[in-house]
C-alpha atoms as a PDB file:
ATOM      1  CA  UNK A   1    -154.814-104.205 117.119  1.00  0.00           C
ATOM      2  CA  UNK A   2    -155.826-106.187 114.044  1.00  0.00           C
ATOM      3  CA  UNK A   3    -154.446-109.442 112.610  1.00  0.00           C
ATOM      4  CA  UNK A   4    -151.399-109.525 110.386  1.00  0.00           C
ATOM      5  CA  UNK A   5    -152.317-110.314 106.741  1.00  0.00           C
ATOM      6  CA  UNK A   6    -153.019-113.972 105.952  1.00  0.00           C
ATOM      7  CA  UNK A   7    -154.643-116.091 103.236  1.00  0.00           C
ATOM      8  CA  UNK A   8    -158.001-117.771 103.887  1.00  0.00           C
ATOM      9  CA  UNK A   9    -159.298-120.996 102.336  1.00  0.00           C
ATOM     10  CA  UNK A  10    -162.289-123.260 103.008  1.00  0.00           C
ATOM     11  CA  UNK A  11    -161.678-126.911 102.060  1.00  0.00           C
ATOM     12  CA  UNK A  12    -164.848-128.843 101.225  1.00  0.00           C
ATOM     13  CA  UNK A  13    -163.732-132.264 102.457  1.00  0.00           C
ATOM     14  CA  UNK A  14    -161.414-133.884 104.968  1.00  0.00           C
ATOM     15  CA  UNK A  15    -159.067-135.298 102.275  1.00  0.00           C
ATOM     16  CA  UNK A  16    -158.831-131.831 100.715  1.00  0.00           C
ATOM     17  CA  UNK A  17    -158.001-130.341 104.115  1.00  0.00           C
ATOM     18  CA  UNK A  18    -155.298-132.933 104.802  1.00  0.00           C
ATOM     19  CA  UNK A  19    -153.792-132.441 101.332  1.00  0.00           C
ATOM     20  CA  UNK A  20    -153.714-128.674 101.846  1.00  0.00           C
ATOM     21  CA  UNK A  21    -152.100-129.051 105.261  1.00  0.00           C
ATOM     22  CA  UNK A  22    -149.420-131.274 103.778  1.00  0.00           C
ATOM     23  CA  UNK A  23    -148.605-128.920 100.929  1.00  0.00           C
ATOM     24  CA  UNK A  24    -148.979-125.463 102.432  1.00  0.00           C
ATOM     25  CA  UNK A  25    -145.791-123.530 103.166  1.00  0.00           C
ATOM     26  CA  UNK A  26    -145.405-121.391 106.276  1.00  0.00           C
ATOM     27  CA  UNK A  27    -147.621-121.393 109.371  1.00  0.00           C
ATOM     28  CA  UNK A  28    -151.134-122.789 108.915  1.00  0.00           C
ATOM     29  CA  UNK A  29    -153.938-122.493 111.485  1.00  0.00           C
ATOM     30  CA  UNK A  30    -157.379-124.085 111.446  1.00  0.00           C
ATOM     31  CA  UNK A  31    -160.505-122.156 112.376  1.00  0.00           C
ATOM     32  CA  UNK A  32    -164.027-123.325 113.188  1.00  0.00           C
ATOM     33  CA  UNK A  33    -165.874-121.158 115.701  1.00  0.00           C
ATOM     34  CA  UNK A  34    -162.917-118.811 116.102  1.00  0.00           C
ATOM     35  CA  UNK A  35    -163.627-118.141 119.792  1.00  0.00           C
ATOM     36  CA  UNK A  36    -160.033-119.007 120.703  1.00  0.00           C
ATOM     37  CA  UNK A  37    -158.152-118.256 117.514  1.00  0.00           C
ATOM     38  CA  UNK A  38    -159.897-114.953 116.771  1.00  0.00           C
ATOM     39  CA  UNK A  39    -158.556-113.069 119.809  1.00  0.00           C
ATOM     40  CA  UNK A  40    -155.114-114.581 119.283  1.00  0.00           C
ATOM     41  CA  UNK A  41    -155.091-113.294 115.707  1.00  0.00           C
ATOM     42  CA  UNK A  42    -156.224-109.829 116.763  1.00  0.00           C
ATOM     43  CA  UNK A  43    -153.519-109.628 119.429  1.00  0.00           C
ATOM     44  CA  UNK A  44    -150.973-111.042 116.988  1.00  0.00           C
ATOM     45  CA  UNK A  45    -150.119-113.830 119.366  1.00  0.00           C
ATOM     46  CA  UNK A  46    -150.142-115.971 116.216  1.00  0.00           C
ATOM     47  CA  UNK A  47    -149.417-114.707 112.710  1.00  0.00           C
ATOM     48  CA  UNK A  48    -150.299-117.500 110.271  1.00  0.00           C
ATOM     49  CA  UNK A  49    -149.626-117.384 106.571  1.00  0.00           C
ATOM     50  CA  UNK A  50    -152.791-119.366 105.889  1.00  0.00           C
ATOM     51  CA  UNK A  51    -156.032-119.936 107.825  1.00  0.00           C
ATOM     52  CA  UNK A  52    -158.125-122.940 106.816  1.00  0.00           C
ATOM     53  CA  UNK A  53    -161.839-122.698 107.618  1.00  0.00           C
ATOM     54  CA  UNK A  54    -162.987-126.254 108.428  1.00  0.00           C
ATOM     55  CA  UNK A  55    -166.691-125.511 108.896  1.00  0.00           C
ATOM     56  CA  UNK A  56    -167.483-126.611 105.344  1.00  0.00           C
ATOM     57  CA  UNK A  57    -166.510-130.230 106.082  1.00  0.00           C
ATOM     58  CA  UNK A  58    -169.782-132.063 106.763  1.00  0.00           C
ATOM     59  CA  UNK A  59    -168.144-134.972 108.606  1.00  0.00           C
ATOM     60  CA  UNK A  60    -166.863-132.626 111.300  1.00  0.00           C
ATOM     61  CA  UNK A  61    -170.355-131.315 112.081  1.00  0.00           C
ATOM     62  CA  UNK A  62    -171.972-134.725 112.626  1.00  0.00           C
ATOM     63  CA  UNK A  63    -172.703-136.627 115.829  1.00  0.00           C
ATOM     64  CA  UNK A  64    -173.731-140.247 116.295  1.00  0.00           C
ATOM     65  CA  UNK A  65    -174.068-143.025 118.846  1.00  0.00           C
ATOM     66  CA  UNK A  66    -171.598-145.827 118.152  1.00  0.00           C
ATOM     67  CA  UNK A  67    -172.045-148.714 120.584  1.00  0.00           C
ATOM     68  CA  UNK A  68    -171.658-147.299 124.083  1.00  0.00           C
ATOM     69  CA  UNK A  69    -169.888-144.157 122.835  1.00  0.00           C
ATOM     70  CA  UNK A  70    -171.109-140.809 121.567  1.00  0.00           C
ATOM     71  CA  UNK A  71    -168.967-139.610 118.661  1.00  0.00           C
ATOM     72  CA  UNK A  72    -169.000-135.814 118.368  1.00  0.00           C
ATOM     73  CA  UNK A  73    -167.545-134.227 115.251  1.00  0.00           C
ATOM     74  CA  UNK A  74    -164.957-131.562 115.986  1.00  0.00           C
ATOM     75  CA  UNK A  75    -167.196-128.767 114.684  1.00  0.00           C
ATOM     76  CA  UNK A  76    -170.199-129.582 116.884  1.00  0.00           C
ATOM     77  CA  UNK A  77    -170.873-126.381 118.808  1.00  0.00           C
ATOM     78  CA  UNK A  78    -171.511-125.891 122.501  1.00  0.00           C
ATOM     79  CA  UNK A  79    -175.019-124.695 121.577  1.00  0.00           C
ATOM     80  CA  UNK A  80    -175.669-127.880 119.563  1.00  0.00           C
ATOM     81  CA  UNK A  81    -175.123-129.811 122.793  1.00  0.00           C
ATOM     82  CA  UNK A  82    -176.959-127.343 125.031  1.00  0.00           C
ATOM     83  CA  UNK A  83    -180.028-127.311 122.794  1.00  0.00           C
ATOM     84  CA  UNK A  84    -180.166-131.100 122.375  1.00  0.00           C
ATOM     85  CA  UNK A  85    -179.427-131.107 118.638  1.00  0.00           C
ATOM     86  CA  UNK A  86    -176.988-133.966 119.219  1.00  0.00           C
ATOM     87  CA  UNK A  87    -177.445-137.071 121.388  1.00  0.00           C
ATOM     88  CA  UNK A  88    -176.267-137.059 124.993  1.00  0.00           C
ATOM     89  CA  UNK A  89    -175.351-140.505 126.349  1.00  0.00           C
ATOM     90  CA  UNK A  90    -174.183-139.076 129.671  1.00  0.00           C
ATOM     91  CA  UNK A  91    -177.547-138.567 131.300  1.00  0.00           C
ATOM     92  CA  UNK A  92    -177.456-134.805 130.864  1.00  0.00           C
ATOM     93  CA  UNK A  93    -173.830-134.162 131.861  1.00  0.00           C
ATOM     94  CA  UNK A  94    -172.857-132.723 128.486  1.00  0.00           C
ATOM     95  CA  UNK A  95    -175.907-130.455 128.291  1.00  0.00           C
ATOM     96  CA  UNK A  96    -175.315-129.153 131.818  1.00  0.00           C
ATOM     97  CA  UNK A  97    -171.702-128.318 131.120  1.00  0.00           C
ATOM     98  CA  UNK A  98    -172.415-126.771 127.721  1.00  0.00           C
ATOM     99  CA  UNK A  99    -175.092-124.486 129.158  1.00  0.00           C
ATOM    100  CA  UNK A 100    -172.599-122.981 131.624  1.00  0.00           C
ATOM    101  CA  UNK A 101    -169.848-122.190 129.101  1.00  0.00           C
ATOM    102  CA  UNK A 102    -169.179-118.446 128.764  1.00  0.00           C
ATOM    103  CA  UNK A 103    -172.110-116.644 127.088  1.00  0.00           C
ATOM    104  CA  UNK A 104    -174.689-117.686 124.500  1.00  0.00           C
ATOM    105  CA  UNK A 105    -172.904-115.840 121.690  1.00  0.00           C
ATOM    106  CA  UNK A 106    -169.759-117.853 122.446  1.00  0.00           C
ATOM    107  CA  UNK A 107    -171.715-121.108 122.677  1.00  0.00           C
ATOM    108  CA  UNK A 108    -173.327-120.450 119.290  1.00  0.00           C
ATOM    109  CA  UNK A 109    -169.905-120.338 117.600  1.00  0.00           C
ATOM    110  CA  UNK A 110    -167.465-122.221 119.816  1.00  0.00           C
ATOM    111  CA  UNK A 111    -166.818-125.889 119.024  1.00  0.00           C
ATOM    112  CA  UNK A 112    -165.901-128.926 121.084  1.00  0.00           C
ATOM    113  CA  UNK A 113    -162.953-129.777 118.860  1.00  0.00           C
ATOM    114  CA  UNK A 114    -161.655-126.225 118.869  1.00  0.00           C
ATOM    115  CA  UNK A 115    -161.791-126.109 122.652  1.00  0.00           C
ATOM    116  CA  UNK A 116    -159.820-129.343 122.997  1.00  0.00           C
ATOM    117  CA  UNK A 117    -157.275-128.492 120.298  1.00  0.00           C
ATOM    118  CA  UNK A 118    -156.640-125.108 121.913  1.00  0.00           C
ATOM    119  CA  UNK A 119    -156.216-126.856 125.308  1.00  0.00           C
ATOM    120  CA  UNK A 120    -156.814-123.807 127.465  1.00  0.00           C
ATOM    121  CA  UNK A 121    -156.455-125.055 131.060  1.00  0.00           C
ATOM    122  CA  UNK A 122    -159.588-123.096 132.028  1.00  0.00           C
ATOM    123  CA  UNK A 123    -161.744-124.616 129.263  1.00  0.00           C
ATOM    124  CA  UNK A 124    -164.771-126.582 130.438  1.00  0.00           C
ATOM    125  CA  UNK A 125    -164.511-129.416 127.924  1.00  0.00           C
ATOM    126  CA  UNK A 126    -160.887-130.233 128.712  1.00  0.00           C
ATOM    127  CA  UNK A 127    -161.675-131.077 132.348  1.00  0.00           C
ATOM    128  CA  UNK A 128    -165.158-132.459 131.732  1.00  0.00           C
ATOM    129  CA  UNK A 129    -164.251-134.885 128.977  1.00  0.00           C
ATOM    130  CA  UNK A 130    -161.093-136.009 130.742  1.00  0.00           C
ATOM    131  CA  UNK A 131    -163.129-136.874 133.831  1.00  0.00           C
ATOM    132  CA  UNK A 132    -165.611-138.764 131.648  1.00  0.00           C
ATOM    133  CA  UNK A 133    -162.789-140.829 130.126  1.00  0.00           C
ATOM    134  CA  UNK A 134    -163.186-139.472 126.598  1.00  0.00           C
ATOM    135  CA  UNK A 135    -160.767-139.973 123.720  1.00  0.00           C
ATOM    136  CA  UNK A 136    -160.093-138.024 120.532  1.00  0.00           C
ATOM    137  CA  UNK A 137    -159.899-139.210 116.933  1.00  0.00           C
ATOM    138  CA  UNK A 138    -157.058-137.713 114.936  1.00  0.00           C
ATOM    139  CA  UNK A 139    -156.741-137.866 111.148  1.00  0.00           C
ATOM    140  CA  UNK A 140    -153.696-137.457 108.920  1.00  0.00           C
ATOM    141  CA  UNK A 141    -152.802-138.454 105.380  1.00  0.00           C
ATOM    142  CA  UNK A 142    -151.425-141.750 106.736  1.00  0.00           C
ATOM    143  CA  UNK A 143    -154.653-142.697 108.490  1.00  0.00           C
ATOM    144  CA  UNK A 144    -156.383-142.232 111.807  1.00  0.00           C
ATOM    145  CA  UNK A 145    -155.420-142.782 115.418  1.00  0.00           C
ATOM    146  CA  UNK A 146    -157.215-142.485 118.739  1.00  0.00           C
ATOM    147  CA  UNK A 147    -155.758-141.035 121.922  1.00  0.00           C
ATOM    148  CA  UNK A 148    -157.199-140.809 125.439  1.00  0.00           C
ATOM    149  CA  UNK A 149    -157.744-137.152 126.184  1.00  0.00           C
ATOM    150  CA  UNK A 150    -155.159-137.195 128.987  1.00  0.00           C
ATOM    151  CA  UNK A 151    -152.507-138.170 126.417  1.00  0.00           C
ATOM    152  CA  UNK A 152    -153.767-135.651 123.866  1.00  0.00           C
ATOM    153  CA  UNK A 153    -153.545-132.626 126.186  1.00  0.00           C
ATOM    154  CA  UNK A 154    -149.829-132.437 126.962  1.00  0.00           C
ATOM    155  CA  UNK A 155    -149.730-129.004 128.599  1.00  0.00           C
ATOM    156  CA  UNK A 156    -151.286-125.565 128.739  1.00  0.00           C
ATOM    157  CA  UNK A 157    -152.219-124.701 125.127  1.00  0.00           C
ATOM    158  CA  UNK A 158    -150.274-127.767 123.964  1.00  0.00           C
ATOM    159  CA  UNK A 159    -151.566-130.989 122.403  1.00  0.00           C
ATOM    160  CA  UNK A 160    -150.178-134.124 120.781  1.00  0.00           C
ATOM    161  CA  UNK A 161    -151.083-133.284 117.182  1.00  0.00           C
ATOM    162  CA  UNK A 162    -148.334-134.135 114.708  1.00  0.00           C
ATOM    163  CA  UNK A 163    -147.642-131.945 111.653  1.00  0.00           C
ATOM    164  CA  UNK A 164    -150.423-132.408 109.121  1.00  0.00           C
ATOM    165  CA  UNK A 165    -152.880-133.939 111.607  1.00  0.00           C
ATOM    166  CA  UNK A 166    -156.370-132.739 112.539  1.00  0.00           C
ATOM    167  CA  UNK A 167    -158.620-133.532 115.487  1.00  0.00           C
ATOM    168  CA  UNK A 168    -161.771-134.822 113.800  1.00  0.00           C
ATOM    169  CA  UNK A 169    -163.957-136.215 116.603  1.00  0.00           C
ATOM    170  CA  UNK A 170    -164.363-136.836 120.317  1.00  0.00           C
ATOM    171  CA  UNK A 171    -165.479-140.228 121.640  1.00  0.00           C
ATOM    172  CA  UNK A 172    -167.460-139.930 124.884  1.00  0.00           C
ATOM    173  CA  UNK A 173    -168.311-143.106 126.842  1.00  0.00           C
ATOM    174  CA  UNK A 174    -171.812-143.472 128.190  1.00  0.00           C
ATOM    175  CA  UNK A 175    -172.584-142.707 131.828  1.00  0.00           C
ATOM    176  CA  UNK A 176    -174.625-145.700 132.997  1.00  0.00           C
ATOM    177  CA  UNK A 177    -177.350-145.394 135.598  1.00  0.00           C
ATOM    178  CA  UNK A 178    -175.882-145.266 139.076  1.00  0.00           C
ATOM    179  CA  UNK A 179    -172.695-143.476 138.050  1.00  0.00           C
ATOM    180  CA  UNK A 180    -172.407-140.192 139.956  1.00  0.00           C
ATOM    181  CA  UNK A 181    -171.180-136.963 138.405  1.00  0.00           C
ATOM    182  CA  UNK A 182    -170.112-133.591 139.766  1.00  0.00           C
ATOM    183  CA  UNK A 183    -168.716-130.512 138.059  1.00  0.00           C
ATOM    184  CA  UNK A 184    -168.008-127.175 139.727  1.00  0.00           C
ATOM    185  CA  UNK A 185    -165.963-124.219 138.526  1.00  0.00           C
ATOM    186  CA  UNK A 186    -164.911-121.066 140.337  1.00  0.00           C
ATOM    187  CA  UNK A 187    -165.100-117.861 138.287  1.00  0.00           C
ATOM    188  CA  UNK A 188    -164.741-114.189 139.156  1.00  0.00           C
ATOM    189  CA  UNK A 189    -168.219-113.813 137.632  1.00  0.00           C
ATOM    190  CA  UNK A 190    -170.542-115.977 135.584  1.00  0.00           C
ATOM    191  CA  UNK A 191    -169.272-116.442 132.043  1.00  0.00           C
ATOM    192  CA  UNK A 192    -165.652-115.563 132.752  1.00  0.00           C
ATOM    193  CA  UNK A 193    -162.653-117.903 132.602  1.00  0.00           C
ATOM    194  CA  UNK A 194    -162.519-120.396 135.453  1.00  0.00           C
ATOM    195  CA  UNK A 195    -159.877-120.014 138.150  1.00  0.00           C
ATOM    196  CA  UNK A 196    -160.484-123.532 139.464  1.00  0.00           C
ATOM    197  CA  UNK A 197    -162.379-126.570 138.174  1.00  0.00           C
ATOM    198  CA  UNK A 198    -163.342-129.816 139.859  1.00  0.00           C
ATOM    199  CA  UNK A 199    -164.892-132.759 137.998  1.00  0.00           C
ATOM    200  CA  UNK A 200    -165.627-136.257 139.295  1.00  0.00           C
ATOM    201  CA  UNK A 201    -167.158-139.412 137.833  1.00  0.00           C
ATOM    202  CA  UNK A 202    -167.836-141.920 140.598  1.00  0.00           C
ATOM    203  CA  UNK A 203    -169.099-145.515 140.360  1.00  0.00           C
ATOM    204  CA  UNK A 204    -169.960-146.408 143.958  1.00  0.00           C
ATOM    205  CA  UNK A 205    -171.214-149.900 143.110  1.00  0.00           C
ATOM    206  CA  UNK A 206    -167.983-150.773 141.309  1.00  0.00           C
ATOM    207  CA  UNK A 207    -165.747-148.998 143.818  1.00  0.00           C
ATOM    208  CA  UNK A 208    -163.987-146.859 141.235  1.00  0.00           C
ATOM    209  CA  UNK A 209    -163.944-143.332 139.885  1.00  0.00           C
ATOM    210  CA  UNK A 210    -162.090-140.588 138.043  1.00  0.00           C
ATOM    211  CA  UNK A 211    -161.448-137.036 139.175  1.00  0.00           C
ATOM    212  CA  UNK A 212    -159.900-133.963 137.570  1.00  0.00           C
ATOM    213  CA  UNK A 213    -158.580-130.705 138.986  1.00  0.00           C
ATOM    214  CA  UNK A 214    -158.623-128.205 136.133  1.00  0.00           C
ATOM    215  CA  UNK A 215    -157.719-124.582 135.452  1.00  0.00           C
ATOM    216  CA  UNK A 216    -154.158-125.159 136.649  1.00  0.00           C
ATOM    217  CA  UNK A 217    -151.006-123.863 134.932  1.00  0.00           C
ATOM    218  CA  UNK A 218    -150.301-127.098 133.067  1.00  0.00           C
ATOM    219  CA  UNK A 219    -152.493-130.002 131.961  1.00  0.00           C
ATOM    220  CA  UNK A 220    -155.351-130.906 134.313  1.00  0.00           C
ATOM    221  CA  UNK A 221    -154.409-132.956 137.357  1.00  0.00           C
ATOM    222  CA  UNK A 222    -156.037-136.307 136.625  1.00  0.00           C
ATOM    223  CA  UNK A 223    -156.865-139.016 139.151  1.00  0.00           C
ATOM    224  CA  UNK A 224    -157.473-141.904 136.732  1.00  0.00           C
ATOM    225  CA  UNK A 225    -158.011-143.961 139.877  1.00  0.00           C
ATOM    226  CA  UNK A 226    -159.740-141.665 142.346  1.00  0.00           C
ATOM    227  CA  UNK A 227    -159.628-144.038 145.327  1.00  0.00           C
ATOM    228  CA  UNK A 228    -156.726-142.185 147.021  1.00  0.00           C
ATOM    229  CA  UNK A 229    -159.053-139.176 147.310  1.00  0.00           C
ATOM    230  CA  UNK A 230    -161.425-141.266 149.407  1.00  0.00           C
ATOM    231  CA  UNK A 231    -159.119-143.039 151.817  1.00  0.00           C
ATOM    232  CA  UNK A 232    -158.366-145.844 149.384  1.00  0.00           C
ATOM    233  CA  UNK A 233    -161.964-147.026 148.955  1.00  0.00           C
ATOM    234  CA  UNK A 234    -164.962-145.722 147.022  1.00  0.00           C
ATOM    235  CA  UNK A 235    -168.355-146.727 148.367  1.00  0.00           C
ATOM    236  CA  UNK A 236    -171.857-145.277 148.705  1.00  0.00           C
ATOM    237  CA  UNK A 237    -170.514-142.905 151.382  1.00  0.00           C
ATOM    238  CA  UNK A 238    -167.838-141.474 149.089  1.00  0.00           C
ATOM    239  CA  UNK A 239    -168.772-137.840 149.746  1.00  0.00           C
ATOM    240  CA  UNK A 240    -168.192-138.195 153.490  1.00  0.00           C
ATOM    241  CA  UNK A 241    -164.913-140.042 152.853  1.00  0.00           C
ATOM    242  CA  UNK A 242    -163.361-137.331 150.663  1.00  0.00           C
ATOM    243  CA  UNK A 243    -159.832-136.478 151.868  1.00  0.00           C
ATOM    244  CA  UNK A 244    -158.823-132.861 151.092  1.00  0.00           C
ATOM    245  CA  UNK A 245    -155.239-133.638 152.122  1.00  0.00           C
ATOM    246  CA  UNK A 246    -154.851-136.165 149.302  1.00  0.00           C
ATOM    247  CA  UNK A 247    -156.003-133.585 146.762  1.00  0.00           C
ATOM    248  CA  UNK A 248    -153.673-130.963 148.237  1.00  0.00           C
ATOM    249  CA  UNK A 249    -150.735-133.371 148.059  1.00  0.00           C
ATOM    250  CA  UNK A 250    -151.455-134.036 144.382  1.00  0.00           C
ATOM    251  CA  UNK A 251    -151.384-130.309 143.665  1.00  0.00           C
ATOM    252  CA  UNK A 252    -148.082-129.956 145.497  1.00  0.00           C
ATOM    253  CA  UNK A 253    -146.685-132.817 143.399  1.00  0.00           C
ATOM    254  CA  UNK A 254    -147.947-131.028 140.265  1.00  0.00           C
ATOM    255  CA  UNK A 255    -145.894-127.941 141.226  1.00  0.00           C
ATOM    256  CA  UNK A 256    -148.556-125.684 142.756  1.00  0.00           C
ATOM    257  CA  UNK A 257    -146.672-123.929 145.544  1.00  0.00           C
ATOM    258  CA  UNK A 258    -149.252-121.271 146.430  1.00  0.00           C
ATOM    259  CA  UNK A 259    -151.135-122.537 149.498  1.00  0.00           C
ATOM    260  CA  UNK A 260    -154.118-120.251 148.901  1.00  0.00           C
ATOM    261  CA  UNK A 261    -154.470-121.367 145.279  1.00  0.00           C
ATOM    262  CA  UNK A 262    -154.341-124.996 146.380  1.00  0.00           C
ATOM    263  CA  UNK A 263    -157.054-124.332 148.967  1.00  0.00           C
ATOM    264  CA  UNK A 264    -159.339-122.882 146.285  1.00  0.00           C
ATOM    265  CA  UNK A 265    -158.800-125.855 143.978  1.00  0.00           C
ATOM    266  CA  UNK A 266    -159.321-128.400 146.752  1.00  0.00           C
ATOM    267  CA  UNK A 267    -162.496-126.635 147.903  1.00  0.00           C
ATOM    268  CA  UNK A 268    -163.899-126.637 144.370  1.00  0.00           C
ATOM    269  CA  UNK A 269    -163.111-130.348 143.978  1.00  0.00           C
ATOM    270  CA  UNK A 270    -164.800-131.048 147.330  1.00  0.00           C
ATOM    271  CA  UNK A 271    -167.911-129.220 146.106  1.00  0.00           C
ATOM    272  CA  UNK A 272    -167.883-131.341 142.928  1.00  0.00           C
ATOM    273  CA  UNK A 273    -167.738-134.471 145.078  1.00  0.00           C
ATOM    274  CA  UNK A 274    -170.666-133.242 147.178  1.00  0.00           C
ATOM    275  CA  UNK A 275    -172.590-132.428 144.007  1.00  0.00           C
ATOM    276  CA  UNK A 276    -171.932-135.931 142.656  1.00  0.00           C
ATOM    277  CA  UNK A 277    -173.638-137.404 145.699  1.00  0.00           C
ATOM    278  CA  UNK A 278    -176.831-135.571 144.633  1.00  0.00           C
ATOM    279  CA  UNK A 279    -176.679-135.737 140.806  1.00  0.00           C
ATOM    280  CA  UNK A 280    -178.959-135.622 138.808  1.00  0.00           C
ATOM    281  CA  UNK A 281    -180.988-133.472 141.201  1.00  0.00           C
ATOM    282  CA  UNK A 282    -178.493-130.597 140.981  1.00  0.00           C
ATOM    283  CA  UNK A 283    -178.049-128.044 138.200  1.00  0.00           C
ATOM    284  CA  UNK A 284    -174.857-126.780 136.497  1.00  0.00           C
ATOM    285  CA  UNK A 285    -172.867-124.733 138.979  1.00  0.00           C
ATOM    286  CA  UNK A 286    -170.327-121.957 138.693  1.00  0.00           C
ATOM    287  CA  UNK A 287    -168.888-120.862 142.004  1.00  0.00           C
END
């Protein structure tokens, strides 16, 4: 099957894009790498009247360090991160995750902003950046606003963009020395969509952490305060203190009734916790 007919335009600037979004009749979709939208067009899951190619907007391809945050333009590709063409203030977390996304052809084209705006529950960046405490910058004709990623991703394939708005950048906080990180995903085979994702960012010295269970049917299950996963206290022995029952209870509360599915997700999260106790000695892992 091939896409239904649509018009194609390539705005040269962000103001031009926002003006076109505001004035275009019918359904408008944005495209950058096209790794998510392309298949949807071919299967006619979406039939836009107009597709706007945003890859000609220089601002969306830039990356910079701003204080203790890395600001990634929405059109930065997975390969840009993997190959070190943009800074990485996370001590290698972003490069590790990028290198394990799908296949090289996908990483060459796929973008960080496109992944987040599509909000596929199995997408690596959704879970990774939520665990890191990232936020997104959103632009509209009335100005800009910033949302924590957990408020931006409202459901499976659903985000908090208002009509006429565009995700323009991702703000990633630095991972200071001593902050542990673990990320594990379970796939049928390397490069395929994840069936379960576990991501943890642990600060043993401060006694706090964040954890995410991804690749679920709705938005990722976020533990903004991960202490309940560790018996109420996070310390240097956090890996040994991990409580699978607390993770299982959170999945039950999120509506996951299948006991086997919950077991897989809890096991993957436990492996991410164990990996965090060893990071940075470990490499990206797909289970």
